[in-house]
Amino acid sequence: MGVLKTAPRALPFVAIMFNRKTDLDNLLKTLSCRLGGVMSAGPVYRVTDFTGYYIKEFGNRLQKQFFIFQNPVNLERFHEIKVWTNDLEFGSSPKPSGRIVNIDPGYLEPSKLVLFSTKNFSHRTYCGAGIFAEVTMLYKHGDFVRLPWTYDDYFWEENRRFLLHARTQIVSLSRKGAL
């Protein structure tokens, strides 16, 4: 029989899709109020270099960027962050039927990157409040490992380099007892 432990904490990871830098900047201010300041920011890239899925909703100039935030979050209730970011997505739009940003929150631990979604699928586990979680990539033997459902842009070399750097920072914080 295992011994029950308290839920661990992890640093929030957020992938943000946006068309206008001002929308990104405004969103980062809002996210920082709850998640802490940005600890690390990945490269900005064009979403259409990896998928055409969002063109109809956002157009073909859509950009995306990964962020790690400074405030550790208890994983027992982390899915509530996804509920909040969904509210932010739809609350930020001047048009009732659309979004001006897409926010994909999760967390990065030394062993994995986890994302949250409102969509169920075979590899996702229900967390509560209509939210599912998936391990998007594993860390193994010095690099992140692609899984069958890992999106192409997450496994892109520049984003993996960013995640490896962020992971190094997280390992250092963990060793200092800061997580």
N, C-alpha and C. Protein backbone atom coordinates (compact mmCIF):
# COMPACT_ATOMS: atom_id res chain seq x y z
N MET A 1 0.85 -1.18 0.00
CA MET A 1 0.00 0.00 0.00
C MET A 1 0.89 1.24 0.00
N GLY A 2 0.57 2.17 -0.85
CA GLY A 2 1.33 3.41 -0.92
C GLY A 2 0.88 4.40 0.13
N VAL A 3 1.74 5.32 0.43
CA VAL A 3 1.44 6.38 1.38
C VAL A 3 0.96 7.61 0.61
N LEU A 4 -0.18 8.14 1.01
CA LEU A 4 -0.71 9.33 0.34
C LEU A 4 0.17 10.53 0.64
N LYS A 5 0.41 11.32 -0.40
CA LYS A 5 1.24 12.52 -0.26
C LYS A 5 0.44 13.73 -0.70
N THR A 6 0.88 14.87 -0.26
CA THR A 6 0.22 16.10 -0.72
C THR A 6 0.57 16.32 -2.19
N ALA A 7 -0.30 17.02 -2.87
CA ALA A 7 -0.09 17.28 -4.30
C ALA A 7 1.17 18.11 -4.50
N PRO A 8 1.96 17.77 -5.51
CA PRO A 8 3.14 18.59 -5.79
C PRO A 8 2.75 19.92 -6.42
N ARG A 9 3.73 20.79 -6.51
CA ARG A 9 3.55 22.07 -7.18
C ARG A 9 4.44 22.08 -8.42
N ALA A 10 4.04 22.88 -9.40
CA ALA A 10 4.83 23.01 -10.63
C ALA A 10 4.67 24.42 -11.17
N LEU A 11 5.59 24.80 -12.02
CA LEU A 11 5.50 26.13 -12.64
C LEU A 11 4.56 26.08 -13.85
N PRO A 12 3.70 27.07 -13.96
CA PRO A 12 2.76 27.11 -15.08
C PRO A 12 3.47 27.32 -16.42
N PHE A 13 3.03 26.57 -17.40
CA PHE A 13 3.41 26.71 -18.80
C PHE A 13 2.18 27.23 -19.52
N VAL A 14 2.35 28.19 -20.41
CA VAL A 14 1.21 28.68 -21.20
C VAL A 14 1.68 28.92 -22.63
N ALA A 15 0.96 28.35 -23.58
CA ALA A 15 1.17 28.62 -25.00
C ALA A 15 0.07 29.58 -25.44
N ILE A 16 0.45 30.68 -26.07
CA ILE A 16 -0.53 31.70 -26.46
C ILE A 16 -0.45 31.94 -27.96
N MET A 17 -1.62 31.87 -28.61
CA MET A 17 -1.74 32.24 -30.02
C MET A 17 -2.39 33.61 -30.09
N PHE A 18 -1.86 34.46 -30.98
CA PHE A 18 -2.33 35.84 -31.07
C PHE A 18 -2.01 36.39 -32.45
N ASN A 19 -2.76 37.41 -32.84
CA ASN A 19 -2.47 38.13 -34.08
C ASN A 19 -1.76 39.46 -33.81
N ARG A 20 -2.15 40.11 -32.73
CA ARG A 20 -1.59 41.44 -32.43
C ARG A 20 -0.78 41.39 -31.14
N LYS A 21 0.39 42.00 -31.18
CA LYS A 21 1.27 42.03 -30.01
C LYS A 21 0.60 42.72 -28.83
N THR A 22 -0.24 43.71 -29.10
CA THR A 22 -0.93 44.40 -27.99
C THR A 22 -1.86 43.43 -27.26
N ASP A 23 -2.51 42.53 -28.00
CA ASP A 23 -3.37 41.52 -27.35
C ASP A 23 -2.54 40.59 -26.48
N LEU A 24 -1.38 40.18 -26.98
CA LEU A 24 -0.48 39.33 -26.19
C LEU A 24 -0.03 40.06 -24.93
N ASP A 25 0.42 41.30 -25.08
CA ASP A 25 0.91 42.07 -23.93
C ASP A 25 -0.17 42.25 -22.86
N ASN A 26 -1.39 42.56 -23.29
CA ASN A 26 -2.49 42.72 -22.33
C ASN A 26 -2.79 41.40 -21.61
N LEU A 27 -2.77 40.31 -22.37
CA LEU A 27 -3.03 39.01 -21.77
C LEU A 27 -1.93 38.63 -20.78
N LEU A 28 -0.68 38.89 -21.12
CA LEU A 28 0.42 38.57 -20.21
C LEU A 28 0.30 39.32 -18.89
N LYS A 29 -0.17 40.56 -18.94
CA LYS A 29 -0.39 41.32 -17.70
C LYS A 29 -1.43 40.62 -16.83
N THR A 30 -2.51 40.19 -17.45
CA THR A 30 -3.57 39.50 -16.71
C THR A 30 -3.08 38.18 -16.15
N LEU A 31 -2.40 37.38 -16.98
CA LEU A 31 -1.88 36.09 -16.52
C LEU A 31 -0.89 36.27 -15.37
N SER A 32 -0.06 37.29 -15.46
CA SER A 32 0.97 37.53 -14.44
C SER A 32 0.37 37.86 -13.08
N CYS A 33 -0.81 38.44 -13.05
CA CYS A 33 -1.47 38.74 -11.77
C CYS A 33 -1.75 37.46 -10.98
N ARG A 34 -2.03 36.37 -11.68
CA ARG A 34 -2.35 35.12 -11.01
C ARG A 34 -1.18 34.13 -11.00
N LEU A 35 -0.38 34.12 -12.06
CA LEU A 35 0.66 33.11 -12.21
C LEU A 35 2.07 33.61 -11.89
N GLY A 36 2.18 34.90 -11.57
CA GLY A 36 3.49 35.50 -11.34
C GLY A 36 4.06 36.01 -12.65
N GLY A 37 5.19 36.65 -12.56
CA GLY A 37 5.82 37.19 -13.75
C GLY A 37 6.31 36.09 -14.68
N VAL A 38 6.64 36.48 -15.89
CA VAL A 38 7.18 35.53 -16.86
C VAL A 38 8.61 35.19 -16.45
N MET A 39 8.87 33.92 -16.23
CA MET A 39 10.21 33.46 -15.90
C MET A 39 11.03 33.25 -17.17
N SER A 40 10.36 32.76 -18.21
CA SER A 40 11.05 32.46 -19.45
C SER A 40 10.05 32.52 -20.60
N ALA A 41 10.50 33.05 -21.75
CA ALA A 41 9.64 33.16 -22.93
C ALA A 41 10.34 32.52 -24.12
N GLY A 42 9.59 31.71 -24.86
CA GLY A 42 10.13 31.05 -26.04
C GLY A 42 10.08 31.95 -27.26
N PRO A 43 10.50 31.44 -28.39
CA PRO A 43 10.48 32.23 -29.62
C PRO A 43 9.06 32.43 -30.14
N VAL A 44 8.84 33.55 -30.81
CA VAL A 44 7.56 33.79 -31.50
C VAL A 44 7.66 33.12 -32.86
N TYR A 45 6.59 32.42 -33.26
CA TYR A 45 6.60 31.75 -34.57
C TYR A 45 5.21 31.78 -35.19
N ARG A 46 5.18 31.55 -36.49
CA ARG A 46 3.91 31.53 -37.24
C ARG A 46 3.23 30.17 -37.08
N VAL A 47 1.98 30.20 -36.67
CA VAL A 47 1.22 28.97 -36.48
C VAL A 47 1.06 28.23 -37.80
N THR A 48 0.88 28.97 -38.90
CA THR A 48 0.66 28.34 -40.20
C THR A 48 1.89 27.59 -40.71
N ASP A 49 3.04 27.77 -40.09
CA ASP A 49 4.20 26.95 -40.45
C ASP A 49 4.02 25.51 -39.99
N PHE A 50 3.04 25.27 -39.11
CA PHE A 50 2.82 23.94 -38.55
C PHE A 50 1.42 23.38 -38.80
N THR A 51 0.42 24.25 -38.93
CA THR A 51 -0.95 23.78 -39.14
C THR A 51 -1.81 24.88 -39.77
N GLY A 52 -2.81 24.45 -40.52
CA GLY A 52 -3.79 25.38 -41.07
C GLY A 52 -5.09 25.38 -40.29
N TYR A 53 -5.12 24.64 -39.18
CA TYR A 53 -6.34 24.42 -38.41
C TYR A 53 -7.02 25.72 -37.96
N TYR A 54 -6.25 26.73 -37.62
CA TYR A 54 -6.82 27.94 -37.02
C TYR A 54 -7.06 29.07 -38.02
N ILE A 55 -6.78 28.86 -39.29
CA ILE A 55 -6.88 29.95 -40.27
C ILE A 55 -8.29 30.52 -40.34
N LYS A 56 -9.30 29.66 -40.37
CA LYS A 56 -10.68 30.15 -40.50
C LYS A 56 -11.06 31.07 -39.34
N GLU A 57 -10.65 30.72 -38.14
CA GLU A 57 -11.02 31.51 -36.96
C GLU A 57 -10.13 32.74 -36.77
N PHE A 58 -8.83 32.59 -37.00
CA PHE A 58 -7.88 33.65 -36.65
C PHE A 58 -7.19 34.31 -37.84
N GLY A 59 -7.31 33.75 -39.03
CA GLY A 59 -6.59 34.28 -40.19
C GLY A 59 -5.21 33.64 -40.32
N ASN A 60 -4.48 34.05 -41.35
CA ASN A 60 -3.22 33.37 -41.64
C ASN A 60 -1.98 34.08 -41.08
N ARG A 61 -2.16 35.09 -40.25
CA ARG A 61 -1.02 35.78 -39.62
C ARG A 61 -0.86 35.41 -38.15
N LEU A 62 -1.53 34.38 -37.75
CA LEU A 62 -1.52 33.96 -36.35
C LEU A 62 -0.11 33.57 -35.90
N GLN A 63 0.28 34.06 -34.72
CA GLN A 63 1.57 33.75 -34.13
C GLN A 63 1.36 33.02 -32.80
N LYS A 64 2.43 32.42 -32.32
CA LYS A 64 2.34 31.66 -31.07
C LYS A 64 3.65 31.80 -30.30
N GLN A 65 3.52 31.73 -28.98
CA GLN A 65 4.70 31.82 -28.13
C GLN A 65 4.45 31.03 -26.84
N PHE A 66 5.50 30.38 -26.34
CA PHE A 66 5.45 29.63 -25.09
C PHE A 66 5.99 30.49 -23.95
N PHE A 67 5.41 30.30 -22.75
CA PHE A 67 5.85 31.02 -21.56
C PHE A 67 5.88 30.09 -20.36
N ILE A 68 6.84 30.33 -19.47
CA ILE A 68 6.85 29.71 -18.14
C ILE A 68 6.71 30.85 -17.14
N PHE A 69 5.78 30.68 -16.19
CA PHE A 69 5.53 31.72 -15.19
C PHE A 69 6.18 31.34 -13.86
N GLN A 70 6.38 32.34 -13.00
CA GLN A 70 7.19 32.20 -11.79
C GLN A 70 6.50 31.59 -10.58
N ASN A 71 5.19 31.70 -10.46
CA ASN A 71 4.52 31.23 -9.25
C ASN A 71 4.15 29.75 -9.35
N PRO A 72 4.73 28.91 -8.49
CA PRO A 72 4.34 27.50 -8.50
C PRO A 72 2.85 27.35 -8.17
N VAL A 73 2.22 26.39 -8.82
CA VAL A 73 0.79 26.13 -8.62
C VAL A 73 0.62 24.70 -8.12
N ASN A 74 -0.25 24.53 -7.13
CA ASN A 74 -0.58 23.20 -6.62
C ASN A 74 -1.30 22.42 -7.71
N LEU A 75 -0.81 21.23 -8.03
CA LEU A 75 -1.37 20.47 -9.15
C LEU A 75 -2.74 19.88 -8.87
N GLU A 76 -3.12 19.80 -7.62
CA GLU A 76 -4.44 19.24 -7.29
C GLU A 76 -5.57 20.05 -7.91
N ARG A 77 -5.36 21.33 -8.07
CA ARG A 77 -6.43 22.19 -8.60
C ARG A 77 -5.98 22.94 -9.86
N PHE A 78 -4.94 22.44 -10.50
CA PHE A 78 -4.40 23.17 -11.65
C PHE A 78 -5.40 23.28 -12.79
N HIS A 79 -6.27 22.29 -12.92
CA HIS A 79 -7.25 22.34 -14.01
C HIS A 79 -8.12 23.60 -13.95
N GLU A 80 -8.23 24.20 -12.76
CA GLU A 80 -9.00 25.44 -12.63
C GLU A 80 -8.36 26.59 -13.41
N ILE A 81 -7.05 26.50 -13.65
CA ILE A 81 -6.37 27.50 -14.48
C ILE A 81 -6.93 27.46 -15.90
N LYS A 82 -7.20 26.25 -16.41
CA LYS A 82 -7.76 26.12 -17.77
C LYS A 82 -9.16 26.71 -17.83
N VAL A 83 -9.96 26.51 -16.81
CA VAL A 83 -11.30 27.12 -16.77
C VAL A 83 -11.16 28.64 -16.83
N TRP A 84 -10.25 29.18 -16.05
CA TRP A 84 -10.01 30.63 -16.02
C TRP A 84 -9.51 31.13 -17.38
N THR A 85 -8.56 30.43 -18.00
CA THR A 85 -8.05 30.90 -19.29
C THR A 85 -9.11 30.81 -20.38
N ASN A 86 -10.00 29.84 -20.29
CA ASN A 86 -11.13 29.80 -21.24
C ASN A 86 -11.98 31.05 -21.10
N ASP A 87 -12.25 31.44 -19.86
CA ASP A 87 -13.02 32.67 -19.63
C ASP A 87 -12.28 33.88 -20.19
N LEU A 88 -10.96 33.91 -20.04
CA LEU A 88 -10.16 35.01 -20.59
C LEU A 88 -10.24 35.05 -22.11
N GLU A 89 -10.17 33.89 -22.75
CA GLU A 89 -10.24 33.83 -24.22
C GLU A 89 -11.51 34.47 -24.74
N PHE A 90 -12.62 34.07 -24.18
CA PHE A 90 -13.89 34.54 -24.70
C PHE A 90 -14.26 35.92 -24.16
N GLY A 91 -13.72 36.28 -23.00
CA GLY A 91 -13.96 37.61 -22.45
C GLY A 91 -13.13 38.70 -23.10
N SER A 92 -12.05 38.32 -23.78
CA SER A 92 -11.16 39.31 -24.39
C SER A 92 -11.60 39.73 -25.78
N SER A 93 -12.57 39.04 -26.33
CA SER A 93 -12.96 39.30 -27.71
C SER A 93 -14.04 40.36 -27.82
N PRO A 94 -13.85 41.34 -28.71
CA PRO A 94 -14.91 42.33 -28.93
C PRO A 94 -16.08 41.76 -29.71
N LYS A 95 -15.87 40.64 -30.40
CA LYS A 95 -16.96 40.02 -31.16
C LYS A 95 -17.50 38.82 -30.37
N PRO A 96 -18.81 38.69 -30.26
CA PRO A 96 -19.39 37.67 -29.40
C PRO A 96 -19.09 36.23 -29.84
N SER A 97 -18.82 36.00 -31.11
CA SER A 97 -18.66 34.63 -31.58
C SER A 97 -17.21 34.19 -31.73
N GLY A 98 -16.26 35.08 -31.48
CA GLY A 98 -14.88 34.71 -31.76
C GLY A 98 -13.92 35.02 -30.64
N ARG A 99 -12.69 34.62 -30.86
CA ARG A 99 -11.62 34.88 -29.90
C ARG A 99 -10.54 35.69 -30.60
N ILE A 100 -9.80 36.45 -29.82
CA ILE A 100 -8.65 37.16 -30.39
C ILE A 100 -7.35 36.52 -29.92
N VAL A 101 -7.44 35.61 -28.95
CA VAL A 101 -6.29 34.84 -28.48
C VAL A 101 -6.73 33.40 -28.22
N ASN A 102 -5.78 32.50 -28.23
CA ASN A 102 -6.00 31.11 -27.84
C ASN A 102 -4.97 30.81 -26.76
N ILE A 103 -5.43 30.31 -25.62
CA ILE A 103 -4.55 30.09 -24.47
C ILE A 103 -4.56 28.61 -24.11
N ASP A 104 -3.39 27.99 -24.15
CA ASP A 104 -3.24 26.59 -23.78
C ASP A 104 -2.34 26.47 -22.56
N PRO A 105 -2.94 26.35 -21.37
CA PRO A 105 -2.14 26.24 -20.15
C PRO A 105 -1.78 24.80 -19.82
N GLY A 106 -0.74 24.69 -19.05
CA GLY A 106 -0.29 23.40 -18.54
C GLY A 106 0.81 23.65 -17.52
N TYR A 107 1.62 22.64 -17.32
CA TYR A 107 2.76 22.83 -16.42
C TYR A 107 3.94 22.00 -16.91
N LEU A 108 5.12 22.48 -16.54
CA LEU A 108 6.36 21.80 -16.90
C LEU A 108 7.02 21.30 -15.62
N GLU A 109 7.28 20.01 -15.59
CA GLU A 109 8.03 19.37 -14.51
C GLU A 109 9.31 18.82 -15.12
N PRO A 110 10.28 18.43 -14.31
CA PRO A 110 11.49 17.84 -14.88
C PRO A 110 11.22 16.62 -15.77
N SER A 111 10.15 15.89 -15.51
CA SER A 111 9.90 14.65 -16.26
C SER A 111 8.91 14.78 -17.41
N LYS A 112 8.19 15.92 -17.50
CA LYS A 112 7.13 15.97 -18.52
C LYS A 112 6.55 17.36 -18.68
N LEU A 113 5.90 17.54 -19.84
CA LEU A 113 5.07 18.72 -20.11
C LEU A 113 3.63 18.23 -20.17
N VAL A 114 2.77 18.85 -19.37
CA VAL A 114 1.35 18.49 -19.31
C VAL A 114 0.53 19.67 -19.80
N LEU A 115 -0.46 19.39 -20.65
CA LEU A 115 -1.39 20.41 -21.13
C LEU A 115 -2.81 20.05 -20.70
N PHE A 116 -3.65 21.08 -20.60
CA PHE A 116 -5.06 20.91 -20.25
C PHE A 116 -5.93 21.28 -21.43
N SER A 117 -7.08 20.61 -21.54
CA SER A 117 -7.97 20.80 -22.67
C SER A 117 -9.42 20.61 -22.23
N THR A 118 -10.33 21.17 -23.00
CA THR A 118 -11.75 20.91 -22.78
C THR A 118 -12.21 19.70 -23.59
N LYS A 119 -11.33 19.17 -24.42
CA LYS A 119 -11.69 18.06 -25.31
C LYS A 119 -11.18 16.73 -24.76
N ASN A 120 -12.06 15.74 -24.71
CA ASN A 120 -11.69 14.40 -24.29
C ASN A 120 -11.09 13.64 -25.47
N PHE A 121 -10.19 12.75 -25.17
CA PHE A 121 -9.63 11.86 -26.18
C PHE A 121 -9.01 10.68 -25.44
N SER A 122 -8.63 9.64 -26.17
CA SER A 122 -8.18 8.40 -25.55
C SER A 122 -6.99 8.57 -24.60
N HIS A 123 -6.14 9.53 -24.86
CA HIS A 123 -4.93 9.72 -24.04
C HIS A 123 -5.10 10.79 -22.96
N ARG A 124 -6.30 11.30 -22.81
CA ARG A 124 -6.55 12.36 -21.83
C ARG A 124 -7.34 11.82 -20.64
N THR A 125 -7.06 12.41 -19.49
CA THR A 125 -7.70 12.01 -18.24
C THR A 125 -8.54 13.16 -17.71
N TYR A 126 -9.74 12.85 -17.24
CA TYR A 126 -10.63 13.88 -16.71
C TYR A 126 -10.11 14.38 -15.37
N CYS A 127 -10.11 15.72 -15.22
CA CYS A 127 -9.62 16.35 -13.98
C CYS A 127 -10.73 16.95 -13.15
N GLY A 128 -11.83 17.35 -13.79
CA GLY A 128 -12.92 18.03 -13.11
C GLY A 128 -13.28 19.30 -13.85
N ALA A 129 -14.49 19.80 -13.63
CA ALA A 129 -14.97 21.06 -14.21
C ALA A 129 -14.91 21.07 -15.73
N GLY A 130 -15.04 19.90 -16.36
CA GLY A 130 -15.03 19.83 -17.82
C GLY A 130 -13.64 19.88 -18.44
N ILE A 131 -12.60 19.66 -17.65
CA ILE A 131 -11.22 19.79 -18.11
C ILE A 131 -10.52 18.43 -18.09
N PHE A 132 -9.71 18.19 -19.13
CA PHE A 132 -8.93 16.97 -19.28
C PHE A 132 -7.44 17.34 -19.32
N ALA A 133 -6.59 16.41 -18.92
CA ALA A 133 -5.14 16.63 -18.95
C ALA A 133 -4.48 15.56 -19.80
N GLU A 134 -3.37 15.95 -20.43
CA GLU A 134 -2.57 14.99 -21.19
C GLU A 134 -1.09 15.26 -20.95
N VAL A 135 -0.30 14.21 -20.91
CA VAL A 135 1.15 14.36 -20.97
C VAL A 135 1.47 14.58 -22.44
N THR A 136 1.96 15.75 -22.77
CA THR A 136 2.23 16.13 -24.16
C THR A 136 3.59 15.64 -24.62
N MET A 137 4.58 15.75 -23.74
CA MET A 137 5.92 15.23 -24.03
C MET A 137 6.56 14.75 -22.74
N LEU A 138 7.37 13.71 -22.87
CA LEU A 138 8.15 13.18 -21.75
C LEU A 138 9.59 13.64 -21.89
N TYR A 139 10.27 13.78 -20.77
CA TYR A 139 11.71 14.05 -20.79
C TYR A 139 12.42 12.73 -20.50
N LYS A 140 13.31 12.35 -21.41
CA LYS A 140 13.99 11.07 -21.26
C LYS A 140 15.37 11.15 -21.91
N HIS A 141 16.38 10.72 -21.20
CA HIS A 141 17.75 10.66 -21.73
C HIS A 141 18.21 11.98 -22.34
N GLY A 142 17.93 13.08 -21.65
CA GLY A 142 18.47 14.37 -22.06
C GLY A 142 17.67 15.16 -23.07
N ASP A 143 16.49 14.68 -23.46
CA ASP A 143 15.68 15.43 -24.42
C ASP A 143 14.20 15.10 -24.21
N PHE A 144 13.36 15.91 -24.81
CA PHE A 144 11.93 15.62 -24.77
C PHE A 144 11.59 14.60 -25.85
N VAL A 145 10.70 13.69 -25.51
CA VAL A 145 10.29 12.60 -26.39
C VAL A 145 8.92 12.92 -26.95
N ARG A 146 8.79 12.80 -28.26
CA ARG A 146 7.52 13.02 -28.93
C ARG A 146 6.60 11.82 -28.68
N LEU A 147 5.35 12.11 -28.38
CA LEU A 147 4.33 11.08 -28.22
C LEU A 147 3.42 11.12 -29.45
N PRO A 148 2.60 10.10 -29.67
CA PRO A 148 1.78 10.08 -30.89
C PRO A 148 0.87 11.31 -31.05
N TRP A 149 0.50 11.96 -29.97
CA TRP A 149 -0.40 13.11 -30.03
C TRP A 149 0.31 14.45 -29.86
N THR A 150 1.62 14.45 -29.77
CA THR A 150 2.37 15.70 -29.62
C THR A 150 2.22 16.53 -30.89
N TYR A 151 1.78 17.78 -30.74
CA TYR A 151 1.64 18.67 -31.89
C TYR A 151 3.02 19.00 -32.45
N ASP A 152 3.08 19.18 -33.77
CA ASP A 152 4.36 19.42 -34.45
C ASP A 152 5.11 20.62 -33.88
N ASP A 153 4.39 21.69 -33.58
CA ASP A 153 5.10 22.89 -33.10
C ASP A 153 5.72 22.68 -31.71
N TYR A 154 5.14 21.82 -30.91
CA TYR A 154 5.73 21.55 -29.60
C TYR A 154 7.05 20.80 -29.74
N PHE A 155 7.17 19.98 -30.77
CA PHE A 155 8.39 19.21 -30.97
C PHE A 155 9.39 19.92 -31.88
N TRP A 156 9.03 21.08 -32.38
CA TRP A 156 9.94 21.89 -33.19
C TRP A 156 11.22 22.16 -32.40
N GLU A 157 12.35 22.09 -33.06
CA GLU A 157 13.64 22.21 -32.39
C GLU A 157 13.77 23.46 -31.52
N GLU A 158 13.30 24.60 -32.02
CA GLU A 158 13.41 25.85 -31.24
C GLU A 158 12.59 25.79 -29.96
N ASN A 159 11.40 25.20 -30.03
CA ASN A 159 10.57 25.08 -28.83
C ASN A 159 11.14 24.04 -27.87
N ARG A 160 11.68 22.95 -28.40
CA ARG A 160 12.32 21.97 -27.52
C ARG A 160 13.52 22.59 -26.81
N ARG A 161 14.28 23.41 -27.52
CA ARG A 161 15.43 24.09 -26.91
C ARG A 161 14.94 24.99 -25.76
N PHE A 162 13.84 25.72 -26.02
CA PHE A 162 13.26 26.56 -24.97
C PHE A 162 12.83 25.72 -23.77
N LEU A 163 12.13 24.62 -24.02
CA LEU A 163 11.65 23.76 -22.94
C LEU A 163 12.81 23.13 -22.16
N LEU A 164 13.87 22.75 -22.86
CA LEU A 164 15.04 22.19 -22.18
C LEU A 164 15.68 23.23 -21.26
N HIS A 165 15.78 24.46 -21.75
CA HIS A 165 16.34 25.54 -20.92
C HIS A 165 15.44 25.79 -19.69
N ALA A 166 14.13 25.86 -19.92
CA ALA A 166 13.19 26.07 -18.81
C ALA A 166 13.26 24.91 -17.82
N ARG A 167 13.39 23.69 -18.34
CA ARG A 167 13.51 22.52 -17.47
C ARG A 167 14.75 22.63 -16.58
N THR A 168 15.85 23.09 -17.14
CA THR A 168 17.08 23.27 -16.36
C THR A 168 16.84 24.26 -15.22
N GLN A 169 16.12 25.34 -15.51
CA GLN A 169 15.79 26.31 -14.47
C GLN A 169 14.92 25.68 -13.38
N ILE A 170 13.96 24.86 -13.80
CA ILE A 170 13.04 24.22 -12.86
C ILE A 170 13.78 23.21 -11.98
N VAL A 171 14.68 22.43 -12.58
CA VAL A 171 15.48 21.49 -11.79
C VAL A 171 16.29 22.24 -10.74
N SER A 172 16.88 23.36 -11.12
CA SER A 172 17.66 24.17 -10.19
C SER A 172 16.78 24.69 -9.05
N LEU A 173 15.59 25.19 -9.38
CA LEU A 173 14.67 25.67 -8.35
C LEU A 173 14.24 24.54 -7.42
N SER A 174 13.99 23.36 -7.99
CA SER A 174 13.59 22.20 -7.18
C SER A 174 14.68 21.82 -6.19
N ARG A 175 15.92 21.84 -6.65
CA ARG A 175 17.04 21.48 -5.77
C ARG A 175 17.22 22.48 -4.64
N LYS A 176 16.81 23.72 -4.89
CA LYS A 176 16.90 24.76 -3.85
C LYS A 176 15.67 24.75 -2.94
N GLY A 177 14.71 23.86 -3.23
CA GLY A 177 13.49 23.79 -2.43
C GLY A 177 12.49 24.88 -2.74
N ALA A 178 12.64 25.54 -3.89
CA ALA A 178 11.76 26.65 -4.25
C ALA A 178 10.46 26.20 -4.91
N LEU A 179 10.31 24.92 -5.15
CA LEU A 179 9.05 24.43 -5.73
C LEU A 179 8.38 23.57 -4.73
